Amino acid sequence: MSAHPAWRTTFHLRFRDFDYLGHMTATSYLAFFEEARVAWLTEGTGARQPAYVVARQEIDFEREVLPGDGPLTLTIEPIGRGARRVDVREELRGADGTLRARSTATLVMWDREARRPRAVSDAESRLFGG
């Protein structure tokens, strides 16, 4: 759907990302996807603080992430959109390129003052391939 190639960023693993089993916690996957989305929207639209809410997210955990598997590469690609939302496909890969997790998410653009969904802006529309 997007007129742009998948966007990429890299994150280094942190001590707090791991649980007592020695692999990355489920909450850290969510945190990395969220941090990547904020960076993607900030870079792509110029907004200092992108305003959106996650309406839906589905994650498939393909392979565990261990402390030596970083840095992680995350990619984001818009795959659908509406007047107030964008659907994205996301991947998280280890330093060796192995897919560790994939996600699909629906991001609803948010009006901070009115506390409700808002229309996709022109800058967001360009980023989403519209």
C-alpha atoms as a PDB file:
ATOM      1  CA  MET A   1       0.000   0.000   0.000  1.00  0.00           C
ATOM      2  CA  SER A   2       2.764   2.432   0.903  1.00  0.00           C
ATOM      3  CA  ALA A   3       4.562   4.487  -1.708  1.00  0.00           C
ATOM      4  CA  HIS A   4       7.595   4.293   0.576  1.00  0.00           C
ATOM      5  CA  PRO A   5       9.843   1.346   1.403  1.00  0.00           C
ATOM      6  CA  ALA A   6       9.616  -0.115   4.892  1.00  0.00           C
ATOM      7  CA  TRP A   7      11.104   2.253   7.487  1.00  0.00           C
ATOM      8  CA  ARG A   8      13.904   0.872   9.699  1.00  0.00           C
ATOM      9  CA  THR A   9      15.507   1.687  13.016  1.00  0.00           C
ATOM     10  CA  THR A  10      17.869  -0.050  15.408  1.00  0.00           C
ATOM     11  CA  PHE A  11      17.674  -0.469  19.175  1.00  0.00           C
ATOM     12  CA  HIS A  12      20.195  -1.771  21.655  1.00  0.00           C
ATOM     13  CA  LEU A  13      19.046  -4.281  24.244  1.00  0.00           C
ATOM     14  CA  ARG A  14      18.880  -3.190  27.882  1.00  0.00           C
ATOM     15  CA  PHE A  15      19.211  -5.210  31.075  1.00  0.00           C
ATOM     16  CA  ARG A  16      15.568  -4.519  31.964  1.00  0.00           C
ATOM     17  CA  ASP A  17      14.403  -6.160  28.712  1.00  0.00           C
ATOM     18  CA  PHE A  18      15.085  -9.648  30.090  1.00  0.00           C
ATOM     19  CA  ASP A  19      13.214 -11.876  32.505  1.00  0.00           C
ATOM     20  CA  TYR A  20      14.255 -14.652  34.885  1.00  0.00           C
ATOM     21  CA  LEU A  21      14.298 -17.137  31.981  1.00  0.00           C
ATOM     22  CA  GLY A  22      17.043 -15.100  30.336  1.00  0.00           C
ATOM     23  CA  HIS A  23      15.062 -14.019  27.281  1.00  0.00           C
ATOM     24  CA  MET A  24      13.327 -10.790  26.354  1.00  0.00           C
ATOM     25  CA  THR A  25      10.035 -10.194  28.139  1.00  0.00           C
ATOM     26  CA  ALA A  26       6.769  -9.847  26.221  1.00  0.00           C
ATOM     27  CA  THR A  27       6.412  -6.294  27.514  1.00  0.00           C
ATOM     28  CA  SER A  28       9.761  -5.341  25.972  1.00  0.00           C
ATOM     29  CA  TYR A  29       8.534  -6.396  22.526  1.00  0.00           C
ATOM     30  CA  LEU A  30       5.598  -4.025  22.992  1.00  0.00           C
ATOM     31  CA  ALA A  31       7.920  -1.259  24.193  1.00  0.00           C
ATOM     32  CA  PHE A  32      10.267  -1.619  21.210  1.00  0.00           C
ATOM     33  CA  PHE A  33       7.369  -1.580  18.733  1.00  0.00           C
ATOM     34  CA  GLU A  34       5.985   1.534  20.461  1.00  0.00           C
ATOM     35  CA  GLU A  35       9.352   3.329  20.495  1.00  0.00           C
ATOM     36  CA  ALA A  36       9.805   2.531  16.808  1.00  0.00           C
ATOM     37  CA  ARG A  37       6.333   3.881  15.929  1.00  0.00           C
ATOM     38  CA  VAL A  38       6.999   7.151  17.721  1.00  0.00           C
ATOM     39  CA  ALA A  39      10.346   7.540  15.916  1.00  0.00           C
ATOM     40  CA  TRP A  40       8.725   6.669  12.540  1.00  0.00           C
ATOM     41  CA  LEU A  41       5.892   9.165  13.003  1.00  0.00           C
ATOM     42  CA  THR A  42       8.230  11.879  14.337  1.00  0.00           C
ATOM     43  CA  GLU A  43      10.682  11.481  11.477  1.00  0.00           C
ATOM     44  CA  GLY A  44       8.023  11.050   8.824  1.00  0.00           C
ATOM     45  CA  THR A  45       5.709  13.893   9.816  1.00  0.00           C
ATOM     46  CA  GLY A  46       7.931  16.322  11.713  1.00  0.00           C
ATOM     47  CA  ALA A  47       5.601  16.161  14.734  1.00  0.00           C
ATOM     48  CA  ARG A  48       7.508  16.483  18.008  1.00  0.00           C
ATOM     49  CA  GLN A  49       5.013  14.312  19.847  1.00  0.00           C
ATOM     50  CA  PRO A  50       2.912  12.189  17.501  1.00  0.00           C
ATOM     51  CA  ALA A  51      -0.635  11.777  18.788  1.00  0.00           C
ATOM     52  CA  TYR A  52      -2.139   8.348  18.248  1.00  0.00           C
ATOM     53  CA  VAL A  53      -3.509   5.429  20.219  1.00  0.00           C
ATOM     54  CA  VAL A  54      -3.065   1.736  19.547  1.00  0.00           C
ATOM     55  CA  ALA A  55      -6.544   0.374  18.855  1.00  0.00           C
ATOM     56  CA  ARG A  56      -5.366  -3.142  18.100  1.00  0.00           C
ATOM     57  CA  GLN A  57      -2.094  -5.032  18.069  1.00  0.00           C
ATOM     58  CA  GLU A  58      -1.337  -8.642  17.294  1.00  0.00           C
ATOM     59  CA  ILE A  59       2.136 -10.079  17.858  1.00  0.00           C
ATOM     60  CA  ASP A  60       3.528 -13.393  16.665  1.00  0.00           C
ATOM     61  CA  PHE A  61       6.576 -14.369  18.696  1.00  0.00           C
ATOM     62  CA  GLU A  62       8.690 -16.302  16.188  1.00  0.00           C
ATOM     63  CA  ARG A  63      11.908 -16.855  18.119  1.00  0.00           C
ATOM     64  CA  GLU A  64      13.166 -15.759  21.523  1.00  0.00           C
ATOM     65  CA  VAL A  65      15.538 -12.820  21.900  1.00  0.00           C
ATOM     66  CA  LEU A  66      18.585 -13.500  24.079  1.00  0.00           C
ATOM     67  CA  PRO A  67      21.052 -10.893  25.422  1.00  0.00           C
ATOM     68  CA  GLY A  68      23.558 -11.589  22.633  1.00  0.00           C
ATOM     69  CA  ASP A  69      20.992 -11.170  19.841  1.00  0.00           C
ATOM     70  CA  GLY A  70      21.171  -7.377  19.643  1.00  0.00           C
ATOM     71  CA  PRO A  71      21.118  -4.816  18.388  1.00  0.00           C
ATOM     72  CA  LEU A  72      17.555  -5.262  17.146  1.00  0.00           C
ATOM     73  CA  THR A  73      16.261  -3.924  13.848  1.00  0.00           C
ATOM     74  CA  LEU A  74      12.605  -2.922  13.667  1.00  0.00           C
ATOM     75  CA  THR A  75      10.758  -2.186  10.453  1.00  0.00           C
ATOM     76  CA  ILE A  76       7.408  -0.515   9.955  1.00  0.00           C
ATOM     77  CA  GLU A  77       5.322  -0.497   6.807  1.00  0.00           C
ATOM     78  CA  PRO A  78       1.827   0.947   6.360  1.00  0.00           C
ATOM     79  CA  ILE A  79      -0.514  -1.688   4.916  1.00  0.00           C
ATOM     80  CA  GLY A  80      -3.923   0.005   5.081  1.00  0.00           C
ATOM     81  CA  ARG A  81      -5.574   3.204   6.159  1.00  0.00           C
ATOM     82  CA  GLY A  82      -8.799   4.983   6.807  1.00  0.00           C
ATOM     83  CA  ALA A  83      -9.866   8.539   7.496  1.00  0.00           C
ATOM     84  CA  ARG A  84      -8.708   8.305  11.134  1.00  0.00           C
ATOM     85  CA  ARG A  85      -6.342   5.332  11.252  1.00  0.00           C
ATOM     86  CA  VAL A  86      -3.407   3.507   9.714  1.00  0.00           C
ATOM     87  CA  ASP A  87      -2.702  -0.226   9.810  1.00  0.00           C
ATOM     88  CA  VAL A  88       0.969  -1.170  10.007  1.00  0.00           C
ATOM     89  CA  ARG A  89       3.030  -4.304   9.660  1.00  0.00           C
ATOM     90  CA  GLU A  90       6.075  -4.426  11.918  1.00  0.00           C
ATOM     91  CA  GLU A  91       9.008  -6.796  12.233  1.00  0.00           C
ATOM     92  CA  LEU A  92      11.645  -7.211  14.899  1.00  0.00           C
ATOM     93  CA  ARG A  93      14.879  -8.926  13.859  1.00  0.00           C
ATOM     94  CA  GLY A  94      18.048  -9.845  15.705  1.00  0.00           C
ATOM     95  CA  ALA A  95      21.502  -8.617  14.671  1.00  0.00           C
ATOM     96  CA  ASP A  96      21.887 -11.726  12.499  1.00  0.00           C
ATOM     97  CA  GLY A  97      18.719 -10.817  10.552  1.00  0.00           C
ATOM     98  CA  THR A  98      16.616 -13.620  12.031  1.00  0.00           C
ATOM     99  CA  LEU A  99      12.957 -12.717  12.438  1.00  0.00           C
ATOM    100  CA  ARG A 100      12.145 -12.683  16.159  1.00  0.00           C
ATOM    101  CA  ALA A 101       8.625 -11.219  16.114  1.00  0.00           C
ATOM    102  CA  ARG A 102       6.099  -9.752  13.718  1.00  0.00           C
ATOM    103  CA  SER A 103       3.219  -7.471  14.551  1.00  0.00           C
ATOM    104  CA  THR A 104       0.233  -5.891  12.921  1.00  0.00           C
ATOM    105  CA  ALA A 105      -1.276  -2.865  14.592  1.00  0.00           C
ATOM    106  CA  THR A 106      -4.039  -0.350  14.021  1.00  0.00           C
ATOM    107  CA  LEU A 107      -3.058   3.172  15.039  1.00  0.00           C
ATOM    108  CA  VAL A 108      -5.857   5.690  15.476  1.00  0.00           C
ATOM    109  CA  MET A 109      -4.878   9.339  15.174  1.00  0.00           C
ATOM    110  CA  TRP A 110      -5.744  11.132  18.408  1.00  0.00           C
ATOM    111  CA  ASP A 111      -6.914  14.621  19.356  1.00  0.00           C
ATOM    112  CA  ARG A 112      -5.291  15.286  22.739  1.00  0.00           C
ATOM    113  CA  GLU A 113      -7.618  18.128  23.693  1.00  0.00           C
ATOM    114  CA  ALA A 114     -10.932  16.581  22.624  1.00  0.00           C
ATOM    115  CA  ARG A 115      -9.827  13.102  23.829  1.00  0.00           C
ATOM    116  CA  ARG A 116     -11.139  11.377  20.731  1.00  0.00           C
ATOM    117  CA  PRO A 117     -10.047  10.198  17.261  1.00  0.00           C
ATOM    118  CA  ARG A 118      -9.163  12.828  14.687  1.00  0.00           C
ATOM    119  CA  ALA A 119      -8.657  12.832  10.926  1.00  0.00           C
ATOM    120  CA  VAL A 120      -5.310  11.804   9.455  1.00  0.00           C
ATOM    121  CA  SER A 121      -3.258  14.948   8.794  1.00  0.00           C
ATOM    122  CA  ASP A 122      -1.738  15.790   5.400  1.00  0.00           C
ATOM    123  CA  ALA A 123       1.762  14.923   6.674  1.00  0.00           C
ATOM    124  CA  GLU A 124       0.511  11.603   8.045  1.00  0.00           C
ATOM    125  CA  SER A 125      -1.310  10.874   4.798  1.00  0.00           C
ATOM    126  CA  ARG A 126       1.931  11.354   2.838  1.00  0.00           C
ATOM    127  CA  LEU A 127       3.791   9.069   5.268  1.00  0.00           C
ATOM    128  CA  PHE A 128       1.076   6.411   5.057  1.00  0.00           C
ATOM    129  CA  GLY A 129       1.210   6.465   1.267  1.00  0.00           C
ATOM    130  CA  GLY A 130      -2.034   8.280   0.646  1.00  0.00           C
END
